[in-house]
Amino acid sequence: LGLFLGFPPRPFEIGIVIFAPIDCLPCHMPSRNMRFTVFSLAAAFLATSVLLVCASASSPARRPHVVVFLIDDLGWTDVGYRNGSEMRTPTLDALASDGILMQRYYTQPVCSPSRSALMQGRYPFRTGMQHYSTIKPASTAHMPLDQPTLAELMREAGYRTHHVGKWHLGYASFNYTPTARGFESHVGYYQGMEDYYNRTFKVPAEYISQAIDIEGYDWWANRSVAREPNTAYNLDLMVQESERVLDQYAASGAATRDQPLFLYYAHQVAHVPIESPPAKYTERCTHISDETRRTYCAMTAALDQSLNEFIDMLKDRQLWDDTLLIVSTDNGGDPNYGSFPASAGCNWPLRAGKGRLFEGGVRSIGFVNGGSNVIPSSRRGTEIDGLAHMVDWFPTILEVAQSTHLAPSNLDGVSLLSPLMKGTPTGRSNIPLDINKKVDFPDRGSQASVLTDDGWKLILDQVRGGTLVYDGYYPCSQSGMIAANISSTGQYLFNVLDDPNEHVNLFNEQPEQVARLQQLLDGYLKDYSNPQYNMFKPAGLPSLHHGIWAPFLD
């Protein structure tokens, strides 16, 4: 089965049976019957040995551990293997170079929708999770309870399931939080961002009046508030928790009982606020003149080092050889476009970034690596050029876990296991990048986009407002925005295979392609749900919960 799925063959023990020559047997055998018995025993022993060898050779490969390492808002060009003169990410570079790189990998344009696609394997517009402004603080929006999460099914499949870091998939009730949605443990936060040192989240001024100050603490250990010193950078706390998870797992002996590890490790880096990590990381980025970009570089260097430390932890506990590591961003980088608040992500030369349906917002970093028992040597250092999307990880991981029988029938994703391990086509003819007919406050309008495997991409953008509404090209040097060819109607058609940076709008020149892609969008609308209600509920005010962003419906 392991060979069929594409995993490398594992070594197995072979029993060696040594038969004594006939002339070593006693010469004075009492009878012919005894001689027959000796030969019968020898034959039986040989048959048993052969069966044991065959059984060992044909037994299923050990199911791999699975780690999803999700990076927040890291841009297309924010890694050394695309921007080595500026960014310091040796771990990510080495893993991408020695792993399987996905060149046409797409996510949703913002984080809550992408995370729901990962956790439920459905396009967010199916489940009402396509919020343009993500899940707001004190909102009741959440992943639907009648659709299982990946963690719930992995736990049913016998995996030990843990989550470290950012959730942002609903918290109004504890029933919406990680330990109620399949994870045995969770240490991290519920909101979309927080201060890296004091672990508080303040509602952005764009959501409320400047005169109102709504701020609360947001750091949890399972269902209990976890107070940590303000001197600790939250990335370091996540490293500590990942080590605790691995120590507990290794000590439990679960690996020997066919209970592999499933770890969802979701960092905040490189999401705003742009806050400097400890000095040992800032020293790596002194070559960058722009202060915000220099701090951003140091944050990514700290993230990269944390991944290196994590892999060393796996190796120290003899887990790495049997681990599949999935590295992904949740959306494109957040450039310094001047609002909400300023960041320093870079997707150059791709157009725009986070929140937008242009390539800079949805074409994301994605690759896999892992141990010698998981990644075939022939696949190392290769690339996948077919379309792939965040929703595809759900069926892929279930297939890795040899548990496809648990998959819901309404999944939108397709398994990437064969493309990854054997180099077969991904089998995707198109991807709906987003459909949102009701963009919510503080913006308004609608947007939709679909991309085909032959490169045609339709964007219908009618969003208006001041949050994540921008366009243009943003060089990594932070030297200012280069204007894009903006359509007054919000209608765009590109062929991103010929024009990957979306300079030439062919909407008026290619009506047959517009009609073809519009038909695809219309097909997806047959199973569409408007975004869930996503407004601030006064019952969720931190002042009513001891200064904490806490569940408020229970």
Protein backbone atom coordinates (compact mmCIF):
# COMPACT_ATOMS: atom_id res chain seq x y z
CA LEU A 1 0.00 0.00 0.00
CA GLY A 2 2.83 2.36 0.84
CA LEU A 3 4.42 1.74 -2.57
CA PHE A 4 1.04 2.27 -4.26
CA LEU A 5 0.61 5.64 -2.52
CA GLY A 6 4.08 6.68 -3.59
CA PHE A 7 5.93 6.48 -0.29
CA PRO A 8 9.44 4.99 -0.41
CA PRO A 9 9.73 1.31 0.53
CA ARG A 10 10.61 0.80 4.18
CA PRO A 11 13.22 -1.69 5.29
CA PHE A 12 11.83 -4.84 6.87
CA GLU A 13 13.32 -7.63 8.90
CA ILE A 14 13.81 -11.00 7.20
CA GLY A 15 14.11 -14.12 9.23
CA ILE A 16 16.99 -16.42 8.18
CA VAL A 17 16.42 -20.16 8.54
CA ILE A 18 19.48 -22.43 8.55
CA PHE A 19 18.84 -26.09 7.88
CA ALA A 20 21.44 -28.62 8.94
CA PRO A 21 22.67 -30.97 6.19
CA ILE A 22 21.27 -34.50 6.32
CA ASP A 23 24.60 -35.98 7.30
CA CYS A 24 24.61 -33.87 10.45
CA LEU A 25 21.51 -35.56 11.69
CA PRO A 26 22.03 -38.59 13.93
CA CYS A 27 22.95 -41.60 11.79
CA HIS A 28 21.12 -44.04 13.96
CA MET A 29 17.55 -42.87 13.45
CA PRO A 30 15.20 -45.16 15.34
CA SER A 31 12.66 -45.42 12.58
CA ARG A 32 11.45 -44.19 9.25
CA ASN A 33 8.54 -42.45 11.00
CA MET A 34 10.93 -40.33 13.07
CA ARG A 35 12.89 -39.38 9.98
CA PHE A 36 9.61 -38.31 8.37
CA THR A 37 8.72 -36.24 11.45
CA VAL A 38 12.03 -34.38 11.36
CA PHE A 39 11.56 -33.51 7.72
CA SER A 40 7.94 -32.49 8.37
CA LEU A 41 9.03 -30.12 11.14
CA ALA A 42 11.70 -28.63 8.90
CA ALA A 43 9.22 -28.08 6.10
CA ALA A 44 6.72 -26.48 8.45
CA PHE A 45 9.43 -24.22 9.87
CA LEU A 46 10.43 -23.13 6.36
CA ALA A 47 6.83 -22.42 5.35
CA THR A 48 6.23 -20.38 8.48
CA SER A 49 9.40 -18.35 7.88
CA VAL A 50 8.40 -17.62 4.29
CA LEU A 51 4.95 -16.47 5.42
CA LEU A 52 6.46 -14.18 8.03
CA VAL A 53 8.80 -12.65 5.47
CA CYS A 54 5.99 -12.16 2.96
CA ALA A 55 3.68 -10.69 5.58
CA SER A 56 6.37 -8.26 6.67
CA ALA A 57 7.16 -7.22 3.12
CA SER A 58 3.51 -6.66 2.17
CA SER A 59 2.33 -4.94 5.35
CA PRO A 60 1.23 -1.29 4.95
CA ALA A 61 3.88 1.38 5.37
CA ARG A 62 3.79 3.21 8.68
CA ARG A 63 1.43 6.14 8.37
CA PRO A 64 3.39 9.39 8.34
CA HIS A 65 3.20 12.16 10.89
CA VAL A 66 1.74 15.27 9.27
CA VAL A 67 2.77 18.83 10.11
CA VAL A 68 1.04 21.81 8.48
CA PHE A 69 3.31 24.84 8.96
CA LEU A 70 1.14 27.84 8.06
CA ILE A 71 2.79 31.24 7.65
CA ASP A 72 0.74 34.43 7.95
CA ASP A 73 0.92 37.10 5.20
CA LEU A 74 4.35 36.14 3.87
CA GLY A 75 4.73 37.53 0.37
CA TRP A 76 5.68 35.77 -2.84
CA THR A 77 9.10 37.46 -2.79
CA ASP A 78 9.66 37.37 0.99
CA VAL A 79 11.82 34.23 0.86
CA GLY A 80 15.48 33.86 0.05
CA TYR A 81 14.95 31.45 -2.82
CA ARG A 82 13.17 34.25 -4.70
CA ASN A 83 14.90 37.26 -3.14
CA GLY A 84 18.23 36.10 -1.77
CA SER A 85 19.88 39.51 -1.84
CA GLU A 86 17.44 40.76 0.79
CA MET A 87 15.65 38.07 2.77
CA ARG A 88 17.37 35.68 5.21
CA THR A 89 15.41 32.41 5.15
CA PRO A 90 17.98 29.59 4.81
CA THR A 91 15.68 26.93 6.29
CA LEU A 92 12.77 27.70 3.98
CA ASP A 93 15.19 27.93 1.07
CA ALA A 94 16.74 24.54 1.76
CA LEU A 95 13.39 22.84 2.31
CA ALA A 96 11.93 24.28 -0.90
CA SER A 97 15.05 23.37 -2.89
CA ASP A 98 15.16 19.81 -1.54
CA GLY A 99 11.40 19.33 -1.51
CA ILE A 100 8.54 19.61 -3.99
CA LEU A 101 7.72 23.20 -4.91
CA MET A 102 4.23 24.18 -6.06
CA GLN A 103 4.49 26.96 -8.63
CA ARG A 104 0.77 27.49 -9.31
CA TYR A 105 -0.52 27.18 -5.78
CA TYR A 106 -3.43 29.43 -4.76
CA THR A 107 -5.18 30.42 -1.56
CA GLN A 108 -7.97 32.78 -0.62
CA PRO A 109 -7.07 36.49 -0.57
CA VAL A 110 -7.31 36.77 3.24
CA CYS A 111 -6.71 34.53 6.22
CA SER A 112 -10.00 33.33 7.79
CA PRO A 113 -11.31 32.09 4.42
CA SER A 114 -8.01 30.31 3.67
CA ARG A 115 -7.94 28.66 7.09
CA SER A 116 -11.51 27.45 6.70
CA ALA A 117 -10.62 26.01 3.27
CA LEU A 118 -7.76 24.10 4.90
CA MET A 119 -9.76 22.88 7.89
CA GLN A 120 -12.96 21.90 6.06
CA GLY A 121 -11.86 21.22 2.49
CA ARG A 122 -14.60 23.40 1.02
CA TYR A 123 -14.50 26.70 -0.79
CA PRO A 124 -15.41 29.39 1.75
CA PHE A 125 -18.31 30.61 -0.39
CA ARG A 126 -19.97 27.23 0.25
CA THR A 127 -19.91 27.68 4.03
CA GLY A 128 -20.37 31.43 4.46
CA MET A 129 -16.73 31.85 5.50
CA GLN A 130 -15.60 34.09 2.62
CA HIS A 131 -15.55 37.28 4.74
CA TYR A 132 -13.67 40.04 2.93
CA SER A 133 -12.55 41.57 6.23
CA THR A 134 -12.00 38.12 7.86
CA ILE A 135 -13.80 37.12 11.07
CA LYS A 136 -14.15 40.25 13.18
CA PRO A 137 -13.59 40.49 16.93
CA ALA A 138 -16.72 39.65 18.96
CA SER A 139 -18.33 38.11 15.87
CA THR A 140 -20.44 34.96 15.97
CA ALA A 141 -19.15 33.74 12.59
CA HIS A 142 -17.53 30.29 12.69
CA MET A 143 -16.88 27.14 10.70
CA PRO A 144 -20.18 25.27 10.31
CA LEU A 145 -20.60 22.60 12.96
CA ASP A 146 -22.30 20.19 10.56
CA GLN A 147 -19.20 19.98 8.36
CA PRO A 148 -16.34 17.98 9.94
CA THR A 149 -12.92 19.52 10.30
CA LEU A 150 -9.69 17.91 9.18
CA ALA A 151 -8.64 17.58 12.81
CA GLU A 152 -11.84 15.75 13.72
CA LEU A 153 -11.34 13.21 10.96
CA MET A 154 -7.63 12.79 11.65
CA ARG A 155 -8.46 12.09 15.27
CA GLU A 156 -11.07 9.55 14.16
CA ALA A 157 -8.36 7.99 11.99
CA GLY A 158 -6.21 7.42 15.07
CA TYR A 159 -3.93 10.45 14.87
CA ARG A 160 -2.94 12.55 17.87
CA THR A 161 -4.04 16.07 16.97
CA HIS A 162 -2.56 19.34 18.26
CA HIS A 163 -2.76 23.00 17.27
CA VAL A 164 -0.19 25.67 18.04
CA GLY A 165 -0.77 29.33 17.20
CA LYS A 166 -3.41 31.34 15.39
CA TRP A 167 -7.01 30.09 15.11
CA HIS A 168 -9.19 32.88 13.63
CA LEU A 169 -12.01 30.51 12.72
CA GLY A 170 -14.58 31.56 15.28
CA TYR A 171 -14.58 31.75 19.07
CA ALA A 172 -17.94 33.18 20.21
CA SER A 173 -18.62 29.80 21.82
CA PHE A 174 -16.09 27.29 23.10
CA ASN A 175 -17.85 24.91 20.70
CA TYR A 176 -16.20 26.86 17.86
CA THR A 177 -12.66 26.72 19.25
CA PRO A 178 -9.86 24.23 18.49
CA THR A 179 -10.40 21.75 21.32
CA ALA A 180 -14.05 21.40 20.30
CA ARG A 181 -13.18 21.00 16.62
CA GLY A 182 -10.90 17.98 16.79
CA PHE A 183 -7.69 19.12 18.47
CA GLU A 184 -6.54 17.51 21.70
CA SER A 185 -4.67 20.66 22.65
CA HIS A 186 -4.28 24.26 21.59
CA VAL A 187 -1.96 27.01 22.75
CA GLY A 188 -2.30 30.30 20.92
CA TYR A 189 -4.85 32.99 20.16
CA TYR A 190 -8.32 33.32 18.65
CA GLN A 191 -8.22 36.68 16.87
CA GLY A 192 -6.62 37.60 13.56
CA MET A 193 -3.62 39.28 15.17
CA GLU A 194 -2.22 40.46 18.47
CA ASP A 195 0.70 42.37 19.93
CA TYR A 196 3.71 40.04 19.73
CA TYR A 197 4.79 40.86 23.30
CA ASN A 198 1.78 41.67 25.47
CA ARG A 199 -0.66 39.43 23.57
CA THR A 200 -3.43 42.02 23.40
CA PHE A 201 -5.57 42.83 20.41
CA LYS A 202 -6.97 46.30 19.81
CA VAL A 203 -9.84 46.76 17.39
CA PRO A 204 -8.54 48.73 14.37
CA ALA A 205 -9.80 52.27 14.06
CA GLU A 206 -11.26 51.42 10.63
CA TYR A 207 -13.87 49.26 12.38
CA ILE A 208 -14.93 51.76 15.07
CA SER A 209 -14.61 55.40 16.00
CA GLN A 210 -11.14 56.67 16.84
CA ALA A 211 -12.58 57.79 20.17
CA ILE A 212 -13.45 54.25 21.27
CA ASP A 213 -10.67 52.09 22.69
CA ILE A 214 -11.53 48.37 22.66
CA GLU A 215 -8.61 46.17 23.61
CA GLY A 216 -8.29 42.79 25.27
CA TYR A 217 -5.90 39.97 26.09
CA ASP A 218 -5.89 36.91 23.80
CA TRP A 219 -3.65 33.96 24.67
CA TRP A 220 -5.08 30.56 25.53
CA ALA A 221 -4.05 27.12 26.65
CA ASN A 222 -6.96 24.92 25.60
CA ARG A 223 -9.96 26.62 27.23
CA SER A 224 -8.07 28.56 29.88
CA VAL A 225 -6.50 32.00 29.63
CA ALA A 226 -2.71 31.67 29.74
CA ARG A 227 -0.88 34.66 31.18
CA GLU A 228 2.65 35.05 29.83
CA PRO A 229 5.30 37.69 30.58
CA ASN A 230 5.39 40.73 28.29
CA THR A 231 9.04 40.06 27.56
CA ALA A 232 8.26 36.90 25.57
CA TYR A 233 7.88 37.21 21.80
CA ASN A 234 4.87 35.09 20.83
CA LEU A 235 6.89 33.17 18.24
CA ASP A 236 9.15 31.93 21.04
CA LEU A 237 6.11 30.82 23.04
CA MET A 238 4.94 28.80 20.05
CA VAL A 239 8.35 27.14 19.78
CA GLN A 240 8.11 26.19 23.46
CA GLU A 241 4.64 24.75 22.98
CA SER A 242 5.68 22.76 19.91
CA GLU A 243 8.51 21.26 21.95
CA ARG A 244 6.08 20.35 24.74
CA VAL A 245 3.78 18.65 22.21
CA LEU A 246 6.66 16.64 20.75
CA ASP A 247 8.00 15.67 24.19
CA GLN A 248 4.58 14.51 25.32
CA TYR A 249 4.01 12.61 22.11
CA ALA A 250 7.41 10.89 22.16
CA ALA A 251 6.99 9.89 25.81
CA SER A 252 3.50 8.48 25.21
CA GLY A 253 4.68 5.74 22.86
CA ALA A 254 1.84 6.64 20.49
CA ALA A 255 4.06 6.17 17.43
CA THR A 256 4.49 2.49 18.23
CA ARG A 257 0.71 2.05 18.48
CA ASP A 258 0.00 3.43 14.99
CA GLN A 259 -1.13 6.78 16.41
CA PRO A 260 0.84 9.25 14.30
CA LEU A 261 1.03 12.96 15.03
CA PHE A 262 -1.01 15.62 13.24
CA LEU A 263 0.23 19.11 14.14
CA TYR A 264 -1.29 22.32 12.81
CA TYR A 265 1.40 24.92 13.49
CA ALA A 266 0.15 28.41 12.56
CA HIS A 267 2.50 31.31 13.22
CA GLN A 268 1.52 34.97 13.35
CA VAL A 269 4.63 36.08 11.43
CA ALA A 270 4.61 38.06 9.17
CA HIS A 271 1.24 39.61 10.04
CA VAL A 272 1.02 43.11 11.46
CA PRO A 273 1.88 44.64 13.86
CA ILE A 274 5.44 44.84 12.56
CA GLU A 275 7.31 44.35 15.84
CA SER A 276 10.96 43.57 16.18
CA PRO A 277 11.93 40.12 17.48
CA PRO A 278 14.92 39.61 19.81
CA ALA A 279 18.14 41.32 18.73
CA LYS A 280 19.83 38.16 17.45
CA TYR A 281 17.44 38.26 14.48
CA THR A 282 17.60 41.98 13.75
CA GLU A 283 21.35 41.66 13.19
CA ARG A 284 20.66 39.58 10.08
CA CYS A 285 18.83 42.40 8.33
CA THR A 286 20.98 45.49 8.84
CA HIS A 287 21.56 45.63 5.07
CA ILE A 288 18.00 46.89 4.52
CA SER A 289 17.62 50.68 4.69
CA ASP A 290 13.85 50.97 5.13
CA GLU A 291 13.10 50.58 8.85
CA THR A 292 9.75 48.79 8.50
CA ARG A 293 11.09 46.42 5.87
CA ARG A 294 14.17 45.78 8.02
CA THR A 295 11.98 44.80 10.97
CA TYR A 296 9.84 42.66 8.66
CA CYS A 297 13.01 40.90 7.47
CA ALA A 298 14.02 40.21 11.09
CA MET A 299 10.58 38.74 11.80
CA THR A 300 10.88 36.35 8.87
CA ALA A 301 14.42 35.43 9.96
CA ALA A 302 13.03 34.53 13.39
CA LEU A 303 10.28 32.47 11.78
CA ASP A 304 12.82 30.67 9.62
CA GLN A 305 15.00 29.88 12.62
CA SER A 306 11.98 28.55 14.53
CA LEU A 307 11.28 26.13 11.70
CA ASN A 308 14.88 24.96 11.77
CA GLU A 309 14.64 24.38 15.53
CA PHE A 310 11.37 22.51 15.10
CA ILE A 311 12.84 20.12 12.52
CA ASP A 312 15.79 19.51 14.83
CA MET A 313 13.30 18.62 17.57
CA LEU A 314 11.66 16.08 15.28
CA LYS A 315 15.04 14.58 14.43
CA ASP A 316 16.11 14.42 18.08
CA ARG A 317 12.98 12.39 18.85
CA GLN A 318 13.40 10.09 15.82
CA LEU A 319 10.22 11.47 14.23
CA TRP A 320 11.52 13.33 11.18
CA ASP A 321 12.10 10.32 8.93
CA ASP A 322 8.38 9.54 9.11
CA THR A 323 7.10 13.14 8.83
CA LEU A 324 5.37 14.91 5.95
CA LEU A 325 5.89 18.67 6.26
CA ILE A 326 3.49 20.98 4.41
CA VAL A 327 4.55 24.63 4.24
CA SER A 328 2.01 27.20 3.07
CA THR A 329 1.12 30.84 3.40
CA ASP A 330 -2.50 31.81 3.96
CA ASN A 331 -2.58 34.53 1.29
CA GLY A 332 -0.27 36.93 -0.50
CA GLY A 333 1.96 39.41 1.27
CA ASP A 334 0.58 42.64 2.70
CA PRO A 335 2.46 45.51 1.03
CA ASN A 336 2.86 49.01 2.40
CA TYR A 337 -0.16 50.44 0.61
CA GLY A 338 -0.81 53.00 3.33
CA SER A 339 -3.66 51.68 5.46
CA PHE A 340 -4.81 49.17 8.06
CA PRO A 341 -1.98 49.37 9.36
CA ALA A 342 1.09 49.64 7.17
CA SER A 343 3.05 46.43 6.60
CA ALA A 344 6.08 45.68 4.44
CA GLY A 345 5.30 42.46 2.57
CA CYS A 346 6.51 42.01 -0.99
CA ASN A 347 4.98 40.12 -3.90
CA TRP A 348 7.01 41.84 -6.61
CA PRO A 349 6.67 41.54 -9.55
CA LEU A 350 3.16 40.19 -8.97
CA ARG A 351 0.31 42.68 -8.88
CA ALA A 352 -1.10 44.01 -5.58
CA GLY A 353 -1.28 41.72 -2.54
CA LYS A 354 -3.32 40.55 0.42
CA GLY A 355 -7.06 41.07 0.07
CA ARG A 356 -6.95 41.45 -3.71
CA LEU A 357 -7.78 38.90 -6.37
CA PHE A 358 -4.74 39.80 -8.45
CA GLU A 359 -1.85 37.33 -8.37
CA GLY A 360 -0.10 39.12 -5.50
CA GLY A 361 -3.10 38.41 -3.27
CA VAL A 362 -3.84 34.78 -4.08
CA ARG A 363 -0.77 33.14 -5.63
CA SER A 364 0.97 31.85 -2.57
CA ILE A 365 4.02 30.04 -1.27
CA GLY A 366 3.51 26.29 -1.01
CA PHE A 367 5.79 23.27 -0.91
CA VAL A 368 6.27 19.96 0.86
CA ASN A 369 9.27 18.22 2.35
CA GLY A 370 9.78 15.49 4.88
CA GLY A 371 11.73 12.50 6.00
CA SER A 372 13.37 9.75 3.98
CA ASN A 373 10.48 7.34 4.59
CA VAL A 374 7.97 9.82 3.15
CA ILE A 375 9.51 11.76 0.26
CA PRO A 376 10.88 9.60 -2.58
CA SER A 377 14.43 10.58 -3.47
CA SER A 378 13.39 10.89 -7.12
CA ARG A 379 10.92 13.64 -6.22
CA ARG A 380 13.28 15.84 -4.25
CA GLY A 381 14.16 19.08 -5.96
CA THR A 382 11.15 18.95 -8.30
CA GLU A 383 8.22 21.25 -9.02
CA ILE A 384 4.49 20.90 -9.66
CA ASP A 385 3.23 23.18 -12.43
CA GLY A 386 -0.46 22.24 -12.29
CA LEU A 387 -3.13 24.20 -10.46
CA ALA A 388 -3.53 23.55 -6.75
CA HIS A 389 -5.50 25.24 -3.99
CA MET A 390 -5.65 25.36 -0.21
CA VAL A 391 -8.77 23.13 -0.20
CA ASP A 392 -6.68 20.33 -1.69
CA TRP A 393 -4.75 19.71 1.53
CA PHE A 394 -7.82 18.21 3.22
CA PRO A 395 -8.19 15.17 0.89
CA THR A 396 -4.41 14.96 0.47
CA ILE A 397 -3.83 14.60 4.19
CA LEU A 398 -6.65 12.09 4.54
CA GLU A 399 -5.04 9.98 1.82
CA VAL A 400 -1.68 10.22 3.58
CA ALA A 401 -3.46 8.96 6.70
CA GLN A 402 -4.93 6.06 4.67
CA SER A 403 -8.37 7.30 5.71
CA THR A 404 -10.07 8.50 2.55
CA HIS A 405 -13.14 6.53 3.60
CA LEU A 406 -13.75 9.23 6.21
CA ALA A 407 -13.90 12.06 3.65
CA PRO A 408 -17.25 13.87 3.32
CA SER A 409 -18.86 13.55 -0.08
CA ASN A 410 -19.08 17.33 -0.58
CA LEU A 411 -15.36 18.16 -0.51
CA ASP A 412 -14.15 20.67 -3.10
CA GLY A 413 -10.49 19.67 -2.86
CA VAL A 414 -8.65 17.01 -4.84
CA SER A 415 -5.85 14.93 -3.40
CA LEU A 416 -2.37 16.06 -4.39
CA LEU A 417 -0.64 12.94 -3.09
CA SER A 418 0.00 11.37 -6.49
CA PRO A 419 1.13 14.66 -8.10
CA LEU A 420 3.48 15.24 -5.18
CA MET A 421 4.92 11.75 -4.86
CA LYS A 422 4.73 10.57 -8.48
CA GLY A 423 4.65 13.73 -10.56
CA THR A 424 1.24 13.07 -12.11
CA PRO A 425 -0.98 16.00 -13.19
CA THR A 426 -3.02 17.69 -10.45
CA GLY A 427 -6.17 17.12 -12.48
CA ARG A 428 -7.60 20.57 -11.85
CA SER A 429 -9.20 22.35 -14.80
CA ASN A 430 -10.05 25.51 -12.86
CA ILE A 431 -10.14 27.16 -9.44
CA PRO A 432 -12.71 29.68 -8.15
CA LEU A 433 -10.45 32.14 -6.33
CA ASP A 434 -13.36 33.78 -4.54
CA ILE A 435 -17.07 34.49 -4.82
CA ASN A 436 -18.48 37.07 -2.42
CA LYS A 437 -21.72 38.77 -3.37
CA LYS A 438 -21.96 40.69 -0.08
CA VAL A 439 -18.72 42.30 1.07
CA ASP A 440 -19.29 43.41 4.64
CA PHE A 441 -18.44 46.48 6.75
CA PRO A 442 -16.23 48.52 6.66
CA ASP A 443 -16.16 47.94 2.90
CA ARG A 444 -19.02 47.15 0.53
CA GLY A 445 -19.71 45.60 -2.84
CA SER A 446 -18.91 42.22 -4.38
CA GLN A 447 -16.08 40.29 -5.99
CA ALA A 448 -15.55 37.06 -7.88
CA SER A 449 -12.73 35.38 -9.77
CA VAL A 450 -12.00 32.11 -11.52
CA LEU A 451 -8.74 30.76 -12.99
CA THR A 452 -8.38 27.97 -15.58
CA ASP A 453 -5.53 25.55 -16.13
CA ASP A 454 -4.76 27.17 -19.50
CA GLY A 455 -4.07 30.45 -17.74
CA TRP A 456 -7.24 32.47 -18.27
CA LYS A 457 -8.30 34.46 -15.23
CA LEU A 458 -11.49 36.49 -14.85
CA ILE A 459 -11.84 39.10 -12.08
CA LEU A 460 -15.08 40.94 -11.33
CA ASP A 461 -14.22 43.50 -8.65
CA GLN A 462 -16.90 45.84 -7.34
CA VAL A 463 -15.47 46.40 -3.85
CA ARG A 464 -15.44 49.93 -2.49
CA GLY A 465 -14.03 51.21 0.77
CA GLY A 466 -10.78 51.94 2.56
CA THR A 467 -9.71 48.53 3.86
CA LEU A 468 -7.68 46.31 1.54
CA VAL A 469 -8.96 48.26 -1.45
CA TYR A 470 -5.86 49.12 -3.47
CA ASP A 471 -3.97 48.19 -6.61
CA GLY A 472 -0.53 48.52 -8.16
CA TYR A 473 2.95 47.03 -7.99
CA TYR A 474 5.06 47.34 -4.84
CA PRO A 475 8.84 46.87 -5.12
CA CYS A 476 10.51 45.15 -2.18
CA SER A 477 12.71 48.21 -1.66
CA GLN A 478 9.62 50.08 -0.43
CA SER A 479 10.40 52.80 -2.96
CA GLY A 480 6.75 53.46 -3.66
CA MET A 481 3.91 52.06 -5.68
CA ILE A 482 4.05 51.64 -9.46
CA ALA A 483 0.61 52.25 -10.92
CA ALA A 484 -1.34 49.48 -12.59
CA ASN A 485 -3.74 49.64 -15.51
CA ILE A 486 -6.95 49.98 -13.50
CA SER A 487 -10.32 49.20 -15.08
CA SER A 488 -13.06 51.69 -14.25
CA THR A 489 -15.63 48.86 -14.42
CA GLY A 490 -13.68 46.44 -12.21
CA GLN A 491 -13.75 43.83 -14.99
CA TYR A 492 -10.48 42.11 -15.86
CA LEU A 493 -9.34 39.21 -18.01
CA PHE A 494 -5.73 38.06 -18.07
CA ASN A 495 -3.82 35.06 -19.26
CA VAL A 496 -1.43 34.58 -16.37
CA LEU A 497 0.67 32.02 -18.23
CA ASP A 498 1.54 34.65 -20.84
CA ASP A 499 1.20 37.66 -18.55
CA PRO A 500 1.88 36.48 -14.96
CA ASN A 501 2.07 40.03 -13.62
CA GLU A 502 -1.31 41.02 -15.06
CA HIS A 503 -0.34 44.06 -17.11
CA VAL A 504 -2.63 43.52 -20.11
CA ASN A 505 -6.39 43.48 -19.53
CA LEU A 506 -8.03 41.46 -22.32
CA PHE A 507 -11.61 41.73 -21.09
CA ASN A 508 -12.84 43.63 -24.14
CA GLU A 509 -10.64 41.77 -26.63
CA GLN A 510 -11.58 38.20 -25.64
CA PRO A 511 -15.38 38.02 -25.22
CA GLU A 512 -15.43 34.26 -25.83
CA GLN A 513 -13.06 33.67 -22.90
CA VAL A 514 -15.07 36.03 -20.71
CA ALA A 515 -18.23 34.06 -21.50
CA ARG A 516 -16.47 30.75 -20.87
CA LEU A 517 -15.17 31.82 -17.44
CA GLN A 518 -18.44 33.51 -16.51
CA GLN A 519 -20.16 30.18 -17.16
CA LEU A 520 -17.75 28.53 -14.74
CA LEU A 521 -18.59 31.11 -12.07
CA ASP A 522 -22.31 30.61 -12.69
CA GLY A 523 -21.84 26.89 -12.12
CA TYR A 524 -20.25 27.52 -8.73
CA LEU A 525 -23.13 29.82 -7.77
CA LYS A 526 -25.46 26.81 -7.73
CA ASP A 527 -24.02 25.94 -4.32
CA TYR A 528 -23.34 29.37 -2.86
CA SER A 529 -23.93 30.86 0.60
CA ASN A 530 -23.67 34.50 1.52
CA PRO A 531 -21.12 35.34 4.23
CA GLN A 532 -22.25 34.60 7.75
CA TYR A 533 -23.25 37.54 9.93
CA ASN A 534 -19.97 39.11 10.96
CA MET A 535 -20.57 42.22 13.05
CA PHE A 536 -19.27 43.16 16.50
CA LYS A 537 -21.49 41.88 19.31
CA PRO A 538 -21.46 44.02 22.49
CA ALA A 539 -21.62 40.83 24.57
CA GLY A 540 -18.10 40.11 23.40
CA LEU A 541 -16.56 43.28 24.84
CA PRO A 542 -13.37 42.40 26.77
CA SER A 543 -14.52 44.72 29.56
CA LEU A 544 -17.29 42.22 30.27
CA HIS A 545 -14.80 39.33 30.47
CA HIS A 546 -12.03 40.58 32.75
CA GLY A 547 -10.26 42.31 29.88
CA ILE A 548 -10.13 39.18 27.72
CA TRP A 549 -11.36 38.37 24.22
CA ALA A 550 -13.32 35.36 25.45
CA PRO A 551 -16.22 33.20 24.22
CA PHE A 552 -19.44 35.01 25.10
CA LEU A 553 -22.28 32.72 24.01
CA ASP A 554 -21.67 29.92 26.54
